[in-house]
Amino acid sequence: MDSIIQFVGPTHALQIFGVKLVGVNAENGKKLLFTLILLAVALLLSRLLRKLARGVTRQGERTAFWVRQAIHVSTSLLVIIGAISIWFDDPTRLTTGLGLITAGLAFALQRVVTALAGYVLILRGSTFNVGDRIVMGGVRGDVIALGFLQTTIMEMGQSPQVQNADPAMWVKARQYTGRIVTVSNAKVFDEPVFNYTRQFPYIWEEMNVPISYKDDWKAVEKLLIEVSAKHTVNIRELGQPAIEELSRRYVMKVSELVPRVYMRLTDNWIELAVRFLAEDHGVRGLKDAMSRDILQGLEELKIPIASSTFEIVGFPPLKVDKSSPAGA
């Protein structure tokens, strides 16, 4: 057995059946053992810190997420620095190793490096946070997780105006579809990221009501303003400080927060569009409540909603000629 497996030379290289295995020696074996111990210690430390963090970060999901992220990054750096210290004790070997690793990454892992750089950009540039509602890489939804390489999004539906957008949706509102989608962080360099909630967790919404030219449009306008003001009074009070802070941070004009009705003339009807402020979540429920009140108000005003139908308003006069003989 000793003649089959031997350790030869000054470095105690492993030799099997007289064949010397390159890089397999006693020194590298010790380094491998130390590396495994380092990984085990880092794993245990990470689990211990996560358990301790659960008791400290019960006040918010975002705080808990970022504490977990900090633990993950710290333990990863610990493993990387420790592994470099174990395997590259000679500075010349470290320089050579880093050169080879850099060349390999530049050639084979371009997208991975770009995704990692995207992760840094997301954190440094405050592009979005966990819990934000965004559109990234063509995916609309709420961010439920953020990793080094990918962002995980709980997908939501689309309003009828953009139902034909890719990918197609079956939920005709901004509510969850149930699909969890992962998007590469590299997308922040290729496409714009739309954020519904960052720094200003409100959006401006509109509802269109078409009426006939013969109906009282002033009464309908008054109804739309009253209904929208009734359902958005609390939102306007909360949104005023947020929009003032947004104006302070960026060069932009302060948009009005009170509901307003805009009129548009078409070939078929008068289109009244009421514009109002809404929270980023719960828009469908808000518009549902407003729609019910608007329908009830239109019934009381006896004003129908105009539609693309044809109305026969009269018939031409009919003449019966009795002078012709029967059977002619």
Protein backbone atom coordinates (compact mmCIF):
# COMPACT_ATOMS: atom_id res chain seq x y z
CA MET A 1 0.00 0.00 0.00
CA ASP A 2 2.87 2.35 0.76
CA SER A 3 4.22 1.83 -2.73
CA ILE A 4 0.86 2.77 -4.29
CA ILE A 5 0.22 6.03 -2.39
CA GLN A 6 3.25 8.09 -1.41
CA PHE A 7 4.15 11.63 -0.42
CA VAL A 8 7.34 12.60 -2.23
CA GLY A 9 9.58 15.62 -2.60
CA PRO A 10 10.14 18.62 -0.35
CA THR A 11 6.51 19.67 -0.67
CA HIS A 12 5.21 16.18 0.13
CA ALA A 13 3.31 15.93 -3.14
CA LEU A 14 0.84 13.05 -3.46
CA GLN A 15 1.93 10.27 -5.79
CA ILE A 16 -0.31 7.36 -6.85
CA PHE A 17 1.15 4.41 -8.79
CA GLY A 18 4.18 6.51 -9.50
CA VAL A 19 2.10 9.36 -10.96
CA LYS A 20 2.65 12.65 -9.20
CA LEU A 21 -0.58 14.66 -8.83
CA VAL A 22 -0.09 18.34 -9.58
CA GLY A 23 -1.13 20.63 -6.75
CA VAL A 24 -2.08 17.82 -4.37
CA ASN A 25 0.30 17.95 -1.44
CA ALA A 26 0.32 18.13 2.32
CA GLU A 27 0.37 21.93 2.37
CA ASN A 28 -2.65 22.27 0.11
CA GLY A 29 -4.42 19.62 2.14
CA LYS A 30 -3.97 21.70 5.27
CA LYS A 31 -5.20 24.78 3.45
CA LEU A 32 -8.26 22.89 2.25
CA LEU A 33 -8.97 21.75 5.81
CA PHE A 34 -8.63 25.31 7.13
CA THR A 35 -10.95 26.54 4.35
CA LEU A 36 -13.63 24.02 5.31
CA ILE A 37 -13.32 25.06 8.95
CA LEU A 38 -13.62 28.70 7.91
CA LEU A 39 -16.81 27.96 5.92
CA ALA A 40 -18.30 26.05 8.85
CA VAL A 41 -17.51 28.88 11.28
CA ALA A 42 -18.95 31.51 8.90
CA LEU A 43 -22.11 29.45 8.43
CA LEU A 44 -22.63 29.00 12.17
CA LEU A 45 -21.91 32.67 12.80
CA SER A 46 -24.41 33.70 10.13
CA ARG A 47 -27.15 31.52 11.61
CA LEU A 48 -26.43 32.80 15.12
CA LEU A 49 -26.58 36.44 14.02
CA ARG A 50 -29.82 35.81 12.11
CA LYS A 51 -31.45 34.33 15.22
CA LEU A 52 -30.31 37.28 17.31
CA ALA A 53 -31.56 39.70 14.64
CA ARG A 54 -35.08 38.21 14.69
CA GLY A 55 -35.53 39.34 18.27
CA VAL A 56 -34.23 42.85 17.58
CA THR A 57 -35.93 43.65 14.25
CA ARG A 58 -39.56 42.85 14.94
CA GLN A 59 -40.65 46.43 14.28
CA GLY A 60 -40.47 46.36 10.50
CA GLU A 61 -40.02 44.05 7.56
CA ARG A 62 -37.63 46.40 5.77
CA THR A 63 -35.36 46.75 8.79
CA ALA A 64 -35.26 42.97 9.21
CA PHE A 65 -34.43 42.51 5.54
CA TRP A 66 -31.53 44.95 5.59
CA VAL A 67 -30.16 43.42 8.80
CA ARG A 68 -30.18 40.03 7.05
CA GLN A 69 -28.48 41.60 4.04
CA ALA A 70 -25.77 43.12 6.27
CA ILE A 71 -25.17 39.74 7.93
CA HIS A 72 -24.97 38.04 4.54
CA VAL A 73 -22.52 40.58 3.13
CA SER A 74 -20.36 40.53 6.27
CA THR A 75 -20.06 36.75 6.39
CA SER A 76 -19.36 36.62 2.64
CA LEU A 77 -16.54 39.15 3.03
CA LEU A 78 -15.22 37.15 5.98
CA VAL A 79 -15.09 33.98 3.86
CA ILE A 80 -13.45 35.77 0.90
CA ILE A 81 -10.79 37.51 3.00
CA GLY A 82 -10.14 34.36 5.01
CA ALA A 83 -9.81 32.20 1.90
CA ILE A 84 -7.38 34.67 0.34
CA SER A 85 -5.31 34.72 3.53
CA ILE A 86 -5.19 30.91 3.61
CA TRP A 87 -4.41 30.21 -0.03
CA PHE A 88 -2.33 33.25 -1.03
CA ASP A 89 0.24 33.68 1.72
CA ASP A 90 2.80 34.76 -0.90
CA PRO A 91 2.06 38.24 -2.40
CA THR A 92 3.42 37.19 -5.79
CA ARG A 93 1.04 34.24 -5.91
CA LEU A 94 -1.82 36.52 -4.89
CA THR A 95 -1.10 38.90 -7.77
CA THR A 96 -0.95 36.05 -10.25
CA GLY A 97 -4.13 34.51 -8.89
CA LEU A 98 -6.03 37.78 -9.01
CA GLY A 99 -4.88 38.33 -12.57
CA LEU A 100 -6.15 34.93 -13.64
CA ILE A 101 -9.44 35.38 -11.80
CA THR A 102 -9.99 38.82 -13.31
CA ALA A 103 -9.30 37.53 -16.81
CA GLY A 104 -11.70 34.63 -16.30
CA LEU A 105 -14.44 36.87 -14.95
CA ALA A 106 -14.04 39.35 -17.79
CA PHE A 107 -14.43 36.59 -20.37
CA ALA A 108 -16.90 34.09 -18.91
CA LEU A 109 -18.90 35.91 -16.24
CA GLN A 110 -19.69 39.26 -17.79
CA ARG A 111 -23.41 39.16 -16.98
CA VAL A 112 -22.73 37.99 -13.44
CA VAL A 113 -20.31 40.86 -12.83
CA THR A 114 -22.80 43.30 -14.36
CA ALA A 115 -25.58 41.96 -12.12
CA LEU A 116 -23.34 42.36 -9.07
CA ALA A 117 -22.52 45.91 -10.14
CA GLY A 118 -26.26 46.51 -10.55
CA TYR A 119 -26.76 45.38 -6.95
CA VAL A 120 -24.22 47.95 -5.78
CA LEU A 121 -25.91 50.64 -7.91
CA ILE A 122 -29.33 49.79 -6.47
CA LEU A 123 -28.02 50.19 -2.93
CA ARG A 124 -25.81 53.22 -3.59
CA GLY A 125 -28.23 55.06 -5.83
CA SER A 126 -31.34 54.30 -3.74
CA THR A 127 -33.05 53.07 -6.90
CA PHE A 128 -35.58 51.00 -4.97
CA ASN A 129 -36.00 49.16 -1.70
CA VAL A 130 -37.73 46.03 -0.49
CA GLY A 131 -41.47 46.71 -0.46
CA ASP A 132 -41.35 49.31 -3.24
CA ARG A 133 -43.69 48.95 -6.20
CA ILE A 134 -41.62 49.09 -9.38
CA VAL A 135 -41.45 48.21 -13.06
CA MET A 136 -38.13 46.56 -13.88
CA GLY A 137 -37.23 44.49 -16.92
CA GLY A 138 -40.85 44.61 -18.09
CA VAL A 139 -42.12 43.18 -14.77
CA ARG A 140 -44.59 45.18 -12.66
CA GLY A 141 -44.99 44.45 -8.97
CA ASP A 142 -43.68 44.76 -5.43
CA VAL A 143 -40.07 43.98 -4.51
CA ILE A 144 -40.11 41.11 -2.01
CA ALA A 145 -36.39 40.25 -2.03
CA LEU A 146 -33.12 41.73 -3.25
CA GLY A 147 -30.09 39.51 -3.80
CA PHE A 148 -26.57 40.03 -5.09
CA LEU A 149 -27.54 38.98 -8.62
CA GLN A 150 -31.35 39.04 -8.83
CA THR A 151 -34.35 41.02 -7.66
CA THR A 152 -37.48 39.06 -6.75
CA ILE A 153 -40.81 40.70 -7.59
CA MET A 154 -44.37 39.72 -6.71
CA GLU A 155 -46.04 40.42 -10.04
CA MET A 156 -49.17 42.55 -10.33
CA GLY A 157 -51.72 43.00 -13.10
CA GLN A 158 -52.12 45.93 -15.44
CA SER A 159 -54.83 48.48 -15.98
CA PRO A 160 -56.98 48.05 -19.11
CA GLN A 161 -55.07 50.80 -20.92
CA VAL A 162 -51.89 48.67 -20.99
CA GLN A 163 -53.40 45.16 -21.13
CA ASN A 164 -51.66 44.53 -24.45
CA ALA A 165 -48.22 45.25 -23.01
CA ASP A 166 -45.71 42.42 -22.86
CA PRO A 167 -46.08 40.14 -20.94
CA ALA A 168 -49.87 39.80 -21.27
CA MET A 169 -51.91 39.90 -18.04
CA TRP A 170 -55.26 38.45 -17.04
CA VAL A 171 -55.70 40.66 -13.95
CA LYS A 172 -57.15 43.98 -15.11
CA ALA A 173 -55.91 46.05 -12.18
CA ARG A 174 -52.79 46.67 -10.14
CA GLN A 175 -53.31 43.65 -7.91
CA TYR A 176 -51.17 40.54 -7.42
CA THR A 177 -51.32 37.84 -10.08
CA GLY A 178 -49.67 35.26 -7.82
CA ARG A 179 -46.54 34.88 -9.97
CA ILE A 180 -43.14 35.51 -8.39
CA VAL A 181 -40.65 36.77 -10.97
CA THR A 182 -36.87 37.09 -10.67
CA VAL A 183 -35.14 39.83 -12.66
CA SER A 184 -31.40 40.21 -13.11
CA ASN A 185 -29.93 43.26 -11.38
CA ALA A 186 -28.10 43.99 -14.65
CA LYS A 187 -31.39 45.39 -16.00
CA VAL A 188 -30.75 48.68 -14.18
CA PHE A 189 -28.06 49.42 -16.79
CA ASP A 190 -30.20 48.47 -19.79
CA GLU A 191 -33.70 49.77 -19.05
CA PRO A 192 -35.35 52.46 -16.94
CA VAL A 193 -36.71 51.46 -13.54
CA PHE A 194 -40.15 52.90 -12.72
CA ASN A 195 -40.74 53.35 -9.00
CA TYR A 196 -44.26 53.97 -7.73
CA THR A 197 -43.36 54.49 -4.10
CA ARG A 198 -39.82 55.83 -3.68
CA GLN A 199 -39.88 59.14 -1.73
CA PHE A 200 -43.48 59.83 -2.86
CA PRO A 201 -45.85 56.92 -2.15
CA TYR A 202 -48.75 58.42 -4.11
CA ILE A 203 -49.82 58.52 -7.74
CA TRP A 204 -52.26 60.64 -9.72
CA GLU A 205 -55.19 58.67 -11.09
CA GLU A 206 -57.98 59.49 -13.53
CA MET A 207 -61.50 58.26 -14.19
CA ASN A 208 -63.30 59.05 -17.44
CA VAL A 209 -67.08 59.53 -17.66
CA PRO A 210 -68.61 60.13 -21.13
CA ILE A 211 -72.01 61.84 -21.35
CA SER A 212 -74.21 63.01 -24.18
CA TYR A 213 -74.09 66.59 -25.48
CA LYS A 214 -77.70 67.10 -24.48
CA ASP A 215 -77.07 66.27 -20.80
CA ASP A 216 -76.10 68.72 -18.04
CA TRP A 217 -72.29 68.43 -17.99
CA LYS A 218 -71.96 71.01 -15.20
CA ALA A 219 -73.98 68.82 -12.84
CA VAL A 220 -71.83 65.81 -13.73
CA GLU A 221 -68.66 67.83 -13.17
CA LYS A 222 -69.89 68.85 -9.73
CA LEU A 223 -70.73 65.23 -8.94
CA LEU A 224 -67.25 63.99 -9.92
CA ILE A 225 -65.51 66.60 -7.79
CA GLU A 226 -67.70 65.86 -4.76
CA VAL A 227 -67.19 62.09 -4.99
CA SER A 228 -63.43 62.28 -5.53
CA ALA A 229 -63.02 64.84 -2.74
CA LYS A 230 -65.02 62.63 -0.37
CA HIS A 231 -62.84 59.55 -0.96
CA THR A 232 -59.43 61.26 -1.11
CA VAL A 233 -59.55 63.83 1.68
CA ASN A 234 -57.25 61.81 3.98
CA ILE A 235 -54.88 61.03 1.12
CA ARG A 236 -54.52 64.72 0.27
CA GLU A 237 -53.70 65.59 3.88
CA LEU A 238 -50.99 62.91 4.01
CA GLY A 239 -49.66 63.71 0.54
CA GLN A 240 -49.03 67.41 1.11
CA PRO A 241 -45.87 66.98 3.27
CA ALA A 242 -44.60 64.27 0.92
CA ILE A 243 -44.93 66.42 -2.18
CA GLU A 244 -43.28 69.39 -0.44
CA GLU A 245 -40.32 67.16 0.43
CA LEU A 246 -40.22 65.92 -3.17
CA SER A 247 -40.13 69.49 -4.44
CA ARG A 248 -37.31 70.30 -2.04
CA ARG A 249 -35.21 67.35 -3.24
CA TYR A 250 -35.79 67.75 -6.98
CA VAL A 251 -36.37 70.55 -9.47
CA MET A 252 -40.08 70.15 -10.13
CA LYS A 253 -43.28 72.12 -9.88
CA VAL A 254 -45.75 71.27 -7.16
CA SER A 255 -48.82 69.67 -8.71
CA GLU A 256 -52.22 70.41 -7.24
CA LEU A 257 -53.57 67.79 -4.86
CA VAL A 258 -57.26 68.71 -4.94
CA PRO A 259 -59.43 66.81 -7.45
CA ARG A 260 -60.06 68.50 -10.75
CA VAL A 261 -62.20 67.67 -13.76
CA TYR A 262 -60.91 68.06 -17.32
CA MET A 263 -63.19 68.15 -20.35
CA ARG A 264 -62.60 66.76 -23.84
CA LEU A 265 -64.94 67.04 -26.82
CA THR A 266 -65.27 64.05 -29.12
CA ASP A 267 -67.44 63.18 -32.14
CA ASN A 268 -69.82 61.17 -29.99
CA TRP A 269 -69.90 62.61 -26.49
CA ILE A 270 -68.41 64.91 -23.86
CA GLU A 271 -65.66 63.14 -21.94
CA LEU A 272 -65.17 64.32 -18.36
CA ALA A 273 -61.94 63.10 -16.72
CA VAL A 274 -61.59 63.56 -12.96
CA ARG A 275 -57.98 63.64 -11.76
CA PHE A 276 -57.23 62.85 -8.11
CA LEU A 277 -54.44 61.70 -5.80
CA ALA A 278 -54.33 58.06 -4.69
CA GLU A 279 -52.04 55.88 -2.60
CA ASP A 280 -49.72 53.53 -4.43
CA HIS A 281 -51.58 50.49 -3.03
CA GLY A 282 -55.35 50.02 -2.95
CA VAL A 283 -56.18 52.00 -6.10
CA ARG A 284 -58.67 49.40 -7.32
CA GLY A 285 -60.67 49.55 -4.09
CA LEU A 286 -60.67 53.36 -4.18
CA LYS A 287 -61.90 53.49 -7.78
CA ASP A 288 -64.52 50.84 -7.03
CA ALA A 289 -65.99 52.93 -4.19
CA MET A 290 -65.91 56.07 -6.34
CA SER A 291 -67.55 54.29 -9.28
CA ARG A 292 -70.46 53.16 -7.10
CA ASP A 293 -71.08 56.68 -5.81
CA ILE A 294 -70.79 58.14 -9.32
CA LEU A 295 -73.32 55.66 -10.72
CA GLN A 296 -75.74 56.43 -7.90
CA GLY A 297 -75.32 60.17 -8.48
CA LEU A 298 -75.92 59.81 -12.23
CA GLU A 299 -79.11 57.84 -11.53
CA GLU A 300 -80.36 60.64 -9.29
CA LEU A 301 -79.52 63.21 -11.98
CA LYS A 302 -81.18 60.94 -14.60
CA ILE A 303 -78.09 61.24 -16.80
CA PRO A 304 -76.94 58.04 -18.57
CA ILE A 305 -73.36 57.23 -19.50
CA ALA A 306 -72.84 57.68 -23.24
CA SER A 307 -71.83 54.68 -25.32
CA SER A 308 -71.11 53.84 -28.94
CA THR A 309 -74.65 52.83 -29.92
CA PHE A 310 -77.03 53.86 -32.66
CA GLU A 311 -80.37 55.49 -31.87
CA ILE A 312 -83.21 55.52 -34.40
CA VAL A 313 -84.94 58.84 -33.91
CA GLY A 314 -87.59 58.60 -36.67
CA PHE A 315 -89.01 56.72 -39.62
CA PRO A 316 -89.78 58.05 -43.10
CA PRO A 317 -93.52 58.37 -43.94
CA LEU A 318 -95.14 55.28 -45.51
CA LYS A 319 -97.66 55.48 -48.42
CA VAL A 320 -100.08 52.67 -49.34
CA ASP A 321 -101.40 52.68 -52.94
CA LYS A 322 -104.88 51.10 -53.06
CA SER A 323 -105.59 51.91 -56.70
CA SER A 324 -103.77 48.84 -58.08
CA PRO A 325 -106.13 45.85 -58.77
CA ALA A 326 -105.68 42.83 -56.61
CA GLY A 327 -103.41 40.21 -58.09
CA ALA A 328 -101.86 42.71 -60.55
